mmCIF file of all heavy atoms, coordinates in Angstrom:
data_MODEL
# 
_entry.id   MODEL 
# 
loop_
_atom_site.group_PDB 
_atom_site.id 
_atom_site.type_symbol 
_atom_site.label_atom_id 
_atom_site.label_alt_id 
_atom_site.label_comp_id 
_atom_site.label_asym_id 
_atom_site.label_entity_id 
_atom_site.label_seq_id 
_atom_site.pdbx_PDB_ins_code 
_atom_site.Cartn_x 
_atom_site.Cartn_y 
_atom_site.Cartn_z 
_atom_site.occupancy 
_atom_site.B_iso_or_equiv 
_atom_site.pdbx_formal_charge 
_atom_site.auth_seq_id 
_atom_site.auth_comp_id 
_atom_site.auth_asym_id 
_atom_site.auth_atom_id 
_atom_site.pdbx_PDB_model_num 
ATOM 1   N N   . ARG A 1 1  ? 8.374  8.186  3.050   1.00 0.00 ? 1  ARG A N   1 
ATOM 2   C CA  . ARG A 1 1  ? 9.452  7.563  3.851   1.00 0.00 ? 1  ARG A CA  1 
ATOM 3   C C   . ARG A 1 1  ? 9.730  8.384  5.092   1.00 0.00 ? 1  ARG A C   1 
ATOM 4   O O   . ARG A 1 1  ? 10.065 7.831  6.164   1.00 0.00 ? 1  ARG A O   1 
ATOM 5   C CB  . ARG A 1 1  ? 10.706 7.487  3.015   1.00 0.00 ? 1  ARG A CB  1 
ATOM 6   C CG  . ARG A 1 1  ? 10.601 6.582  1.809   1.00 0.00 ? 1  ARG A CG  1 
ATOM 7   C CD  . ARG A 1 1  ? 11.921 6.565  1.015   1.00 0.00 ? 1  ARG A CD  1 
ATOM 8   N NE  . ARG A 1 1  ? 11.791 5.704  -0.152  1.00 0.00 ? 1  ARG A NE  1 
ATOM 9   C CZ  . ARG A 1 1  ? 11.957 4.391  -0.149  1.00 0.00 ? 1  ARG A CZ  1 
ATOM 10  N NH1 . ARG A 1 1  ? 12.303 3.790  0.962   1.00 0.00 ? 1  ARG A NH1 1 
ATOM 11  N NH2 . ARG A 1 1  ? 11.799 3.715  -1.276  1.00 0.00 ? 1  ARG A NH2 1 
ATOM 12  N N   . SER A 1 2  ? 9.595  9.739  4.974   1.00 0.00 ? 2  SER A N   1 
ATOM 13  C CA  . SER A 1 2  ? 9.930  10.595 6.087   1.00 0.00 ? 2  SER A CA  1 
ATOM 14  C C   . SER A 1 2  ? 9.065  11.835 6.013   1.00 0.00 ? 2  SER A C   1 
ATOM 15  O O   . SER A 1 2  ? 8.466  12.144 4.983   1.00 0.00 ? 2  SER A O   1 
ATOM 16  C CB  . SER A 1 2  ? 11.440 10.990 6.030   1.00 0.00 ? 2  SER A CB  1 
ATOM 17  O OG  . SER A 1 2  ? 11.727 11.673 4.813   1.00 0.00 ? 2  SER A OG  1 
ATOM 18  N N   . ALA A 1 3  ? 9.031  12.599 7.135   1.00 0.00 ? 3  ALA A N   1 
ATOM 19  C CA  . ALA A 1 3  ? 8.176  13.760 7.205   1.00 0.00 ? 3  ALA A CA  1 
ATOM 20  C C   . ALA A 1 3  ? 8.585  14.849 6.188   1.00 0.00 ? 3  ALA A C   1 
ATOM 21  O O   . ALA A 1 3  ? 7.746  15.605 5.739   1.00 0.00 ? 3  ALA A O   1 
ATOM 22  C CB  . ALA A 1 3  ? 8.229  14.336 8.609   1.00 0.00 ? 3  ALA A CB  1 
ATOM 23  N N   . ASP A 1 4  ? 9.867  14.880 5.820   1.00 0.00 ? 4  ASP A N   1 
ATOM 24  C CA  . ASP A 1 4  ? 10.316 15.965 4.925   1.00 0.00 ? 4  ASP A CA  1 
ATOM 25  C C   . ASP A 1 4  ? 9.945  15.689 3.461   1.00 0.00 ? 4  ASP A C   1 
ATOM 26  O O   . ASP A 1 4  ? 10.248 16.501 2.600   1.00 0.00 ? 4  ASP A O   1 
ATOM 27  C CB  . ASP A 1 4  ? 11.809 16.206 5.057   1.00 0.00 ? 4  ASP A CB  1 
ATOM 28  C CG  . ASP A 1 4  ? 12.639 14.965 4.783   1.00 0.00 ? 4  ASP A CG  1 
ATOM 29  O OD1 . ASP A 1 4  ? 12.115 13.958 4.257   1.00 0.00 ? 4  ASP A OD1 1 
ATOM 30  O OD2 . ASP A 1 4  ? 13.856 14.986 5.063   1.00 0.00 ? 4  ASP A OD2 1 
ATOM 31  N N   . GLN A 1 5  ? 9.282  14.571 3.171   1.00 0.00 ? 5  GLN A N   1 
ATOM 32  C CA  . GLN A 1 5  ? 8.806  14.303 1.820   1.00 0.00 ? 5  GLN A CA  1 
ATOM 33  C C   . GLN A 1 5  ? 7.469  14.964 1.521   1.00 0.00 ? 5  GLN A C   1 
ATOM 34  O O   . GLN A 1 5  ? 7.066  15.037 0.351   1.00 0.00 ? 5  GLN A O   1 
ATOM 35  C CB  . GLN A 1 5  ? 8.670  12.782 1.580   1.00 0.00 ? 5  GLN A CB  1 
ATOM 36  C CG  . GLN A 1 5  ? 9.991  12.088 1.245   1.00 0.00 ? 5  GLN A CG  1 
ATOM 37  C CD  . GLN A 1 5  ? 9.753  10.697 0.732   1.00 0.00 ? 5  GLN A CD  1 
ATOM 38  O OE1 . GLN A 1 5  ? 9.131  9.882  1.400   1.00 0.00 ? 5  GLN A OE1 1 
ATOM 39  N NE2 . GLN A 1 5  ? 10.255 10.417 -0.461  1.00 0.00 ? 5  GLN A NE2 1 
ATOM 40  N N   . HIS A 1 6  ? 6.796  15.459 2.507   1.00 0.00 ? 6  HIS A N   1 
ATOM 41  C CA  . HIS A 1 6  ? 5.493  16.094 2.277   1.00 0.00 ? 6  HIS A CA  1 
ATOM 42  C C   . HIS A 1 6  ? 5.666  17.417 1.550   1.00 0.00 ? 6  HIS A C   1 
ATOM 43  O O   . HIS A 1 6  ? 6.584  18.181 1.820   1.00 0.00 ? 6  HIS A O   1 
ATOM 44  C CB  . HIS A 1 6  ? 4.780  16.352 3.601   1.00 0.00 ? 6  HIS A CB  1 
ATOM 45  C CG  . HIS A 1 6  ? 4.305  15.113 4.267   1.00 0.00 ? 6  HIS A CG  1 
ATOM 46  N ND1 . HIS A 1 6  ? 3.352  14.281 3.755   1.00 0.00 ? 6  HIS A ND1 1 
ATOM 47  C CD2 . HIS A 1 6  ? 4.666  14.539 5.454   1.00 0.00 ? 6  HIS A CD2 1 
ATOM 48  C CE1 . HIS A 1 6  ? 3.132  13.266 4.561   1.00 0.00 ? 6  HIS A CE1 1 
ATOM 49  N NE2 . HIS A 1 6  ? 3.921  13.394 5.614   1.00 0.00 ? 6  HIS A NE2 1 
ATOM 50  N N   . PRO A 1 7  ? 4.789  17.728 0.556   1.00 0.00 ? 7  PRO A N   1 
ATOM 51  C CA  . PRO A 1 7  ? 3.737  16.874 0.045   1.00 0.00 ? 7  PRO A CA  1 
ATOM 52  C C   . PRO A 1 7  ? 4.264  15.882 -0.992  1.00 0.00 ? 7  PRO A C   1 
ATOM 53  O O   . PRO A 1 7  ? 5.172  16.197 -1.722  1.00 0.00 ? 7  PRO A O   1 
ATOM 54  C CB  . PRO A 1 7  ? 2.758  17.872 -0.580  1.00 0.00 ? 7  PRO A CB  1 
ATOM 55  C CG  . PRO A 1 7  ? 3.633  18.988 -1.021  1.00 0.00 ? 7  PRO A CG  1 
ATOM 56  C CD  . PRO A 1 7  ? 4.731  19.102 0.021   1.00 0.00 ? 7  PRO A CD  1 
ATOM 57  N N   . ILE A 1 8  ? 3.656  14.718 -1.034  1.00 0.00 ? 8  ILE A N   1 
ATOM 58  C CA  . ILE A 1 8  ? 4.076  13.686 -1.985  1.00 0.00 ? 8  ILE A CA  1 
ATOM 59  C C   . ILE A 1 8  ? 2.825  13.104 -2.630  1.00 0.00 ? 8  ILE A C   1 
ATOM 60  O O   . ILE A 1 8  ? 1.912  12.665 -1.922  1.00 0.00 ? 8  ILE A O   1 
ATOM 61  C CB  . ILE A 1 8  ? 4.941  12.605 -1.300  1.00 0.00 ? 8  ILE A CB  1 
ATOM 62  C CG1 . ILE A 1 8  ? 5.371  11.532 -2.301  1.00 0.00 ? 8  ILE A CG1 1 
ATOM 63  C CG2 . ILE A 1 8  ? 4.230  11.999 -0.109  1.00 0.00 ? 8  ILE A CG2 1 
ATOM 64  C CD1 . ILE A 1 8  ? 6.401  10.551 -1.755  1.00 0.00 ? 8  ILE A CD1 1 
ATOM 65  N N   . ASN A 1 9  ? 2.805  13.067 -3.954  1.00 0.00 ? 9  ASN A N   1 
ATOM 66  C CA  . ASN A 1 9  ? 1.644  12.588 -4.670  1.00 0.00 ? 9  ASN A CA  1 
ATOM 67  C C   . ASN A 1 9  ? 2.031  11.854 -5.942  1.00 0.00 ? 9  ASN A C   1 
ATOM 68  O O   . ASN A 1 9  ? 3.110  12.092 -6.501  1.00 0.00 ? 9  ASN A O   1 
ATOM 69  C CB  . ASN A 1 9  ? 0.720  13.771 -5.065  1.00 0.00 ? 9  ASN A CB  1 
ATOM 70  C CG  . ASN A 1 9  ? 0.149  14.506 -3.873  1.00 0.00 ? 9  ASN A CG  1 
ATOM 71  O OD1 . ASN A 1 9  ? -0.717 13.974 -3.192  1.00 0.00 ? 9  ASN A OD1 1 
ATOM 72  N ND2 . ASN A 1 9  ? 0.640  15.691 -3.613  1.00 0.00 ? 9  ASN A ND2 1 
ATOM 73  N N   . VAL A 1 10 ? 1.191  10.934 -6.390  1.00 0.00 ? 10 VAL A N   1 
ATOM 74  C CA  . VAL A 1 10 ? 1.445  10.194 -7.603  1.00 0.00 ? 10 VAL A CA  1 
ATOM 75  C C   . VAL A 1 10 ? 1.599  11.180 -8.765  1.00 0.00 ? 10 VAL A C   1 
ATOM 76  O O   . VAL A 1 10 ? 0.872  12.148 -8.900  1.00 0.00 ? 10 VAL A O   1 
ATOM 77  C CB  . VAL A 1 10 ? 0.290  9.215  -7.870  1.00 0.00 ? 10 VAL A CB  1 
ATOM 78  C CG1 . VAL A 1 10 ? -1.049 9.914  -8.077  1.00 0.00 ? 10 VAL A CG1 1 
ATOM 79  C CG2 . VAL A 1 10 ? 0.618  8.340  -9.072  1.00 0.00 ? 10 VAL A CG2 1 
ATOM 80  N N   . GLY A 1 11 ? 2.628  10.923 -9.574  1.00 0.00 ? 11 GLY A N   1 
ATOM 81  C CA  . GLY A 1 11 ? 2.897  11.823 -10.726 1.00 0.00 ? 11 GLY A CA  1 
ATOM 82  C C   . GLY A 1 11 ? 3.892  12.890 -10.452 1.00 0.00 ? 11 GLY A C   1 
ATOM 83  O O   . GLY A 1 11 ? 4.343  13.583 -11.385 1.00 0.00 ? 11 GLY A O   1 
ATOM 84  N N   . ASP A 1 12 ? 4.263  13.109 -9.177  1.00 0.00 ? 12 ASP A N   1 
ATOM 85  C CA  . ASP A 1 12 ? 5.276  14.140 -8.866  1.00 0.00 ? 12 ASP A CA  1 
ATOM 86  C C   . ASP A 1 12 ? 6.643  13.739 -9.447  1.00 0.00 ? 12 ASP A C   1 
ATOM 87  O O   . ASP A 1 12 ? 6.994  12.571 -9.535  1.00 0.00 ? 12 ASP A O   1 
ATOM 88  C CB  . ASP A 1 12 ? 5.446  14.284 -7.355  1.00 0.00 ? 12 ASP A CB  1 
ATOM 89  C CG  . ASP A 1 12 ? 4.236  14.918 -6.703  1.00 0.00 ? 12 ASP A CG  1 
ATOM 90  O OD1 . ASP A 1 12 ? 3.398  15.467 -7.423  1.00 0.00 ? 12 ASP A OD1 1 
ATOM 91  O OD2 . ASP A 1 12 ? 4.134  14.881 -5.462  1.00 0.00 ? 12 ASP A OD2 1 
ATOM 92  N N   . GLU A 1 13 ? 7.405  14.761 -9.788  1.00 0.00 ? 13 GLU A N   1 
ATOM 93  C CA  . GLU A 1 13 ? 8.804  14.489 -10.160 1.00 0.00 ? 13 GLU A CA  1 
ATOM 94  C C   . GLU A 1 13 ? 9.553  14.043 -8.916  1.00 0.00 ? 13 GLU A C   1 
ATOM 95  O O   . GLU A 1 13 ? 9.277  14.487 -7.806  1.00 0.00 ? 13 GLU A O   1 
ATOM 96  C CB  . GLU A 1 13 ? 9.458  15.752 -10.719 1.00 0.00 ? 13 GLU A CB  1 
ATOM 97  C CG  . GLU A 1 13 ? 8.968  16.154 -12.094 1.00 0.00 ? 13 GLU A CG  1 
ATOM 98  C CD  . GLU A 1 13 ? 9.768  17.329 -12.659 1.00 0.00 ? 13 GLU A CD  1 
ATOM 99  O OE1 . GLU A 1 13 ? 10.900 17.560 -12.169 1.00 0.00 ? 13 GLU A OE1 1 
ATOM 100 O OE2 . GLU A 1 13 ? 9.232  17.992 -13.570 1.00 0.00 ? 13 GLU A OE2 1 
ATOM 101 N N   . ASP A 1 14 ? 10.530 13.117 -9.112  1.00 0.00 ? 14 ASP A N   1 
ATOM 102 C CA  . ASP A 1 14 ? 11.339 12.604 -7.990  1.00 0.00 ? 14 ASP A CA  1 
ATOM 103 C C   . ASP A 1 14 ? 10.468 11.984 -6.898  1.00 0.00 ? 14 ASP A C   1 
ATOM 104 O O   . ASP A 1 14 ? 10.800 12.021 -5.727  1.00 0.00 ? 14 ASP A O   1 
ATOM 105 C CB  . ASP A 1 14 ? 12.216 13.722 -7.381  1.00 0.00 ? 14 ASP A CB  1 
ATOM 106 C CG  . ASP A 1 14 ? 13.130 14.361 -8.435  1.00 0.00 ? 14 ASP A CG  1 
ATOM 107 O OD1 . ASP A 1 14 ? 13.669 13.620 -9.274  1.00 0.00 ? 14 ASP A OD1 1 
ATOM 108 O OD2 . ASP A 1 14 ? 13.248 15.590 -8.401  1.00 0.00 ? 14 ASP A OD2 1 
ATOM 109 N N   . ASN A 1 15 ? 9.335  11.415 -7.306  1.00 0.00 ? 15 ASN A N   1 
ATOM 110 C CA  . ASN A 1 15 ? 8.469  10.749 -6.356  1.00 0.00 ? 15 ASN A CA  1 
ATOM 111 C C   . ASN A 1 15 ? 9.137  9.445  -5.941  1.00 0.00 ? 15 ASN A C   1 
ATOM 112 O O   . ASN A 1 15 ? 9.343  8.551  -6.747  1.00 0.00 ? 15 ASN A O   1 
ATOM 113 C CB  . ASN A 1 15 ? 7.111  10.471 -7.016  1.00 0.00 ? 15 ASN A CB  1 
ATOM 114 C CG  . ASN A 1 15 ? 6.122  9.762  -6.093  1.00 0.00 ? 15 ASN A CG  1 
ATOM 115 O OD1 . ASN A 1 15 ? 6.350  8.610  -5.730  1.00 0.00 ? 15 ASN A OD1 1 
ATOM 116 N ND2 . ASN A 1 15 ? 5.064  10.426 -5.725  1.00 0.00 ? 15 ASN A ND2 1 
ATOM 117 N N   . ASP A 1 16 ? 9.459  9.336  -4.664  1.00 0.00 ? 16 ASP A N   1 
ATOM 118 C CA  . ASP A 1 16 ? 10.135 8.115  -4.171  1.00 0.00 ? 16 ASP A CA  1 
ATOM 119 C C   . ASP A 1 16 ? 9.482  7.706  -2.863  1.00 0.00 ? 16 ASP A C   1 
ATOM 120 O O   . ASP A 1 16 ? 10.052 7.768  -1.787  1.00 0.00 ? 16 ASP A O   1 
ATOM 121 C CB  . ASP A 1 16 ? 11.614 8.401  -3.955  1.00 0.00 ? 16 ASP A CB  1 
ATOM 122 C CG  . ASP A 1 16 ? 12.362 7.155  -3.473  1.00 0.00 ? 16 ASP A CG  1 
ATOM 123 O OD1 . ASP A 1 16 ? 11.965 6.024  -3.843  1.00 0.00 ? 16 ASP A OD1 1 
ATOM 124 O OD2 . ASP A 1 16 ? 13.361 7.336  -2.710  1.00 0.00 ? 16 ASP A OD2 1 
ATOM 125 N N   . PRO A 1 17 ? 8.226  7.258  -2.917  1.00 0.00 ? 17 PRO A N   1 
ATOM 126 C CA  . PRO A 1 17 ? 7.505  6.913  -1.682  1.00 0.00 ? 17 PRO A CA  1 
ATOM 127 C C   . PRO A 1 17 ? 7.990  5.599  -1.081  1.00 0.00 ? 17 PRO A C   1 
ATOM 128 O O   . PRO A 1 17 ? 8.620  4.786  -1.761  1.00 0.00 ? 17 PRO A O   1 
ATOM 129 C CB  . PRO A 1 17 ? 6.066  6.764  -2.162  1.00 0.00 ? 17 PRO A CB  1 
ATOM 130 C CG  . PRO A 1 17 ? 6.195  6.316  -3.587  1.00 0.00 ? 17 PRO A CG  1 
ATOM 131 C CD  . PRO A 1 17 ? 7.423  6.998  -4.117  1.00 0.00 ? 17 PRO A CD  1 
ATOM 132 N N   . LEU A 1 18 ? 7.694  5.408  0.183   1.00 0.00 ? 18 LEU A N   1 
ATOM 133 C CA  . LEU A 1 18 ? 7.927  4.117  0.835   1.00 0.00 ? 18 LEU A CA  1 
ATOM 134 C C   . LEU A 1 18 ? 7.053  3.067  0.189   1.00 0.00 ? 18 LEU A C   1 
ATOM 135 O O   . LEU A 1 18 ? 7.502  1.954  -0.118  1.00 0.00 ? 18 LEU A O   1 
ATOM 136 C CB  . LEU A 1 18 ? 7.645  4.243  2.321   1.00 0.00 ? 18 LEU A CB  1 
ATOM 137 C CG  . LEU A 1 18 ? 7.854  2.997  3.173   1.00 0.00 ? 18 LEU A CG  1 
ATOM 138 C CD1 . LEU A 1 18 ? 9.316  2.550  3.139   1.00 0.00 ? 18 LEU A CD1 1 
ATOM 139 C CD2 . LEU A 1 18 ? 7.406  3.252  4.603   1.00 0.00 ? 18 LEU A CD2 1 
ATOM 140 N N   . PHE A 1 19 ? 5.777  3.424  -0.032  1.00 0.00 ? 19 PHE A N   1 
ATOM 141 C CA  . PHE A 1 19 ? 4.834  2.595  -0.755  1.00 0.00 ? 19 PHE A CA  1 
ATOM 142 C C   . PHE A 1 19 ? 4.095  3.487  -1.754  1.00 0.00 ? 19 PHE A C   1 
ATOM 143 O O   . PHE A 1 19 ? 3.583  4.551  -1.370  1.00 0.00 ? 19 PHE A O   1 
ATOM 144 C CB  . PHE A 1 19 ? 3.836  1.919  0.186   1.00 0.00 ? 19 PHE A CB  1 
ATOM 145 C CG  . PHE A 1 19 ? 4.460  1.035  1.204   1.00 0.00 ? 19 PHE A CG  1 
ATOM 146 C CD1 . PHE A 1 19 ? 4.498  1.405  2.567   1.00 0.00 ? 19 PHE A CD1 1 
ATOM 147 C CD2 . PHE A 1 19 ? 5.002  -0.217 0.853   1.00 0.00 ? 19 PHE A CD2 1 
ATOM 148 C CE1 . PHE A 1 19 ? 5.085  0.595  3.488   1.00 0.00 ? 19 PHE A CE1 1 
ATOM 149 C CE2 . PHE A 1 19 ? 5.583  -1.027 1.784   1.00 0.00 ? 19 PHE A CE2 1 
ATOM 150 C CZ  . PHE A 1 19 ? 5.626  -0.618 3.124   1.00 0.00 ? 19 PHE A CZ  1 
ATOM 151 N N   . ALA A 1 20 ? 4.043  3.048  -2.990  1.00 0.00 ? 20 ALA A N   1 
ATOM 152 C CA  . ALA A 1 20 ? 3.487  3.881  -4.058  1.00 0.00 ? 20 ALA A CA  1 
ATOM 153 C C   . ALA A 1 20 ? 1.946  3.835  -4.063  1.00 0.00 ? 20 ALA A C   1 
ATOM 154 O O   . ALA A 1 20 ? 1.317  2.914  -3.567  1.00 0.00 ? 20 ALA A O   1 
ATOM 155 C CB  . ALA A 1 20 ? 3.983  3.402  -5.404  1.00 0.00 ? 20 ALA A CB  1 
ATOM 156 N N   . PHE A 1 21 ? 1.359  4.868  -4.627  1.00 0.00 ? 21 PHE A N   1 
ATOM 157 C CA  . PHE A 1 21 ? -0.087 4.898  -4.882  1.00 0.00 ? 21 PHE A CA  1 
ATOM 158 C C   . PHE A 1 21 ? -0.455 3.616  -5.613  1.00 0.00 ? 21 PHE A C   1 
ATOM 159 O O   . PHE A 1 21 ? 0.166  3.208  -6.582  1.00 0.00 ? 21 PHE A O   1 
ATOM 160 C CB  . PHE A 1 21 ? -0.399 6.110  -5.750  1.00 0.00 ? 21 PHE A CB  1 
ATOM 161 C CG  . PHE A 1 21 ? -1.853 6.215  -6.177  1.00 0.00 ? 21 PHE A CG  1 
ATOM 162 C CD1 . PHE A 1 21 ? -2.766 6.897  -5.418  1.00 0.00 ? 21 PHE A CD1 1 
ATOM 163 C CD2 . PHE A 1 21 ? -2.285 5.630  -7.362  1.00 0.00 ? 21 PHE A CD2 1 
ATOM 164 C CE1 . PHE A 1 21 ? -4.089 7.026  -5.798  1.00 0.00 ? 21 PHE A CE1 1 
ATOM 165 C CE2 . PHE A 1 21 ? -3.610 5.726  -7.777  1.00 0.00 ? 21 PHE A CE2 1 
ATOM 166 C CZ  . PHE A 1 21 ? -4.503 6.431  -6.980  1.00 0.00 ? 21 PHE A CZ  1 
ATOM 167 N N   . GLY A 1 22 ? -1.493 2.928  -5.119  1.00 0.00 ? 22 GLY A N   1 
ATOM 168 C CA  . GLY A 1 22 ? -1.908 1.681  -5.743  1.00 0.00 ? 22 GLY A CA  1 
ATOM 169 C C   . GLY A 1 22 ? -1.273 0.428  -5.177  1.00 0.00 ? 22 GLY A C   1 
ATOM 170 O O   . GLY A 1 22 ? -1.630 -0.677 -5.575  1.00 0.00 ? 22 GLY A O   1 
ATOM 171 N N   . TYR A 1 23 ? -0.347 0.569  -4.230  1.00 0.00 ? 23 TYR A N   1 
ATOM 172 C CA  . TYR A 1 23 ? 0.343  -0.601 -3.632  1.00 0.00 ? 23 TYR A CA  1 
ATOM 173 C C   . TYR A 1 23 ? -0.579 -1.335 -2.678  1.00 0.00 ? 23 TYR A C   1 
ATOM 174 O O   . TYR A 1 23 ? -1.396 -0.705 -1.952  1.00 0.00 ? 23 TYR A O   1 
ATOM 175 C CB  . TYR A 1 23 ? 1.573  -0.123 -2.877  1.00 0.00 ? 23 TYR A CB  1 
ATOM 176 C CG  . TYR A 1 23 ? 2.373  -1.219 -2.228  1.00 0.00 ? 23 TYR A CG  1 
ATOM 177 C CD1 . TYR A 1 23 ? 3.392  -1.908 -2.917  1.00 0.00 ? 23 TYR A CD1 1 
ATOM 178 C CD2 . TYR A 1 23 ? 2.138  -1.604 -0.923  1.00 0.00 ? 23 TYR A CD2 1 
ATOM 179 C CE1 . TYR A 1 23 ? 4.132  -2.916 -2.302  1.00 0.00 ? 23 TYR A CE1 1 
ATOM 180 C CE2 . TYR A 1 23 ? 2.865  -2.603 -0.302  1.00 0.00 ? 23 TYR A CE2 1 
ATOM 181 C CZ  . TYR A 1 23 ? 3.850  -3.261 -1.006  1.00 0.00 ? 23 TYR A CZ  1 
ATOM 182 O OH  . TYR A 1 23 ? 4.568  -4.274 -0.398  1.00 0.00 ? 23 TYR A OH  1 
ATOM 183 N N   . GLY A 1 24 ? -0.481 -2.635 -2.645  1.00 0.00 ? 24 GLY A N   1 
ATOM 184 C CA  . GLY A 1 24 ? -1.209 -3.441 -1.677  1.00 0.00 ? 24 GLY A CA  1 
ATOM 185 C C   . GLY A 1 24 ? -0.957 -4.901 -1.890  1.00 0.00 ? 24 GLY A C   1 
ATOM 186 O O   . GLY A 1 24 ? -0.986 -5.390 -3.038  1.00 0.00 ? 24 GLY A O   1 
ATOM 187 N N   . LEU A 1 25 ? -0.640 -5.608 -0.836  1.00 0.00 ? 25 LEU A N   1 
ATOM 188 C CA  . LEU A 1 25 ? -0.321 -7.039 -0.890  1.00 0.00 ? 25 LEU A CA  1 
ATOM 189 C C   . LEU A 1 25 ? -1.548 -7.870 -0.657  1.00 0.00 ? 25 LEU A C   1 
ATOM 190 O O   . LEU A 1 25 ? -2.567 -7.408 -0.146  1.00 0.00 ? 25 LEU A O   1 
ATOM 191 C CB  . LEU A 1 25 ? 0.757  -7.409 0.146   1.00 0.00 ? 25 LEU A CB  1 
ATOM 192 C CG  . LEU A 1 25 ? 2.079  -6.694 0.068   1.00 0.00 ? 25 LEU A CG  1 
ATOM 193 C CD1 . LEU A 1 25 ? 2.943  -7.103 1.273   1.00 0.00 ? 25 LEU A CD1 1 
ATOM 194 C CD2 . LEU A 1 25 ? 2.808  -7.006 -1.223  1.00 0.00 ? 25 LEU A CD2 1 
# 
């Protein structure tokens, strides 16, 4: 969602991405 979320990866605690790993319309 923002630059201060780095690093962000699937399985992290408190993982709150704008779009999750595996997302796609």
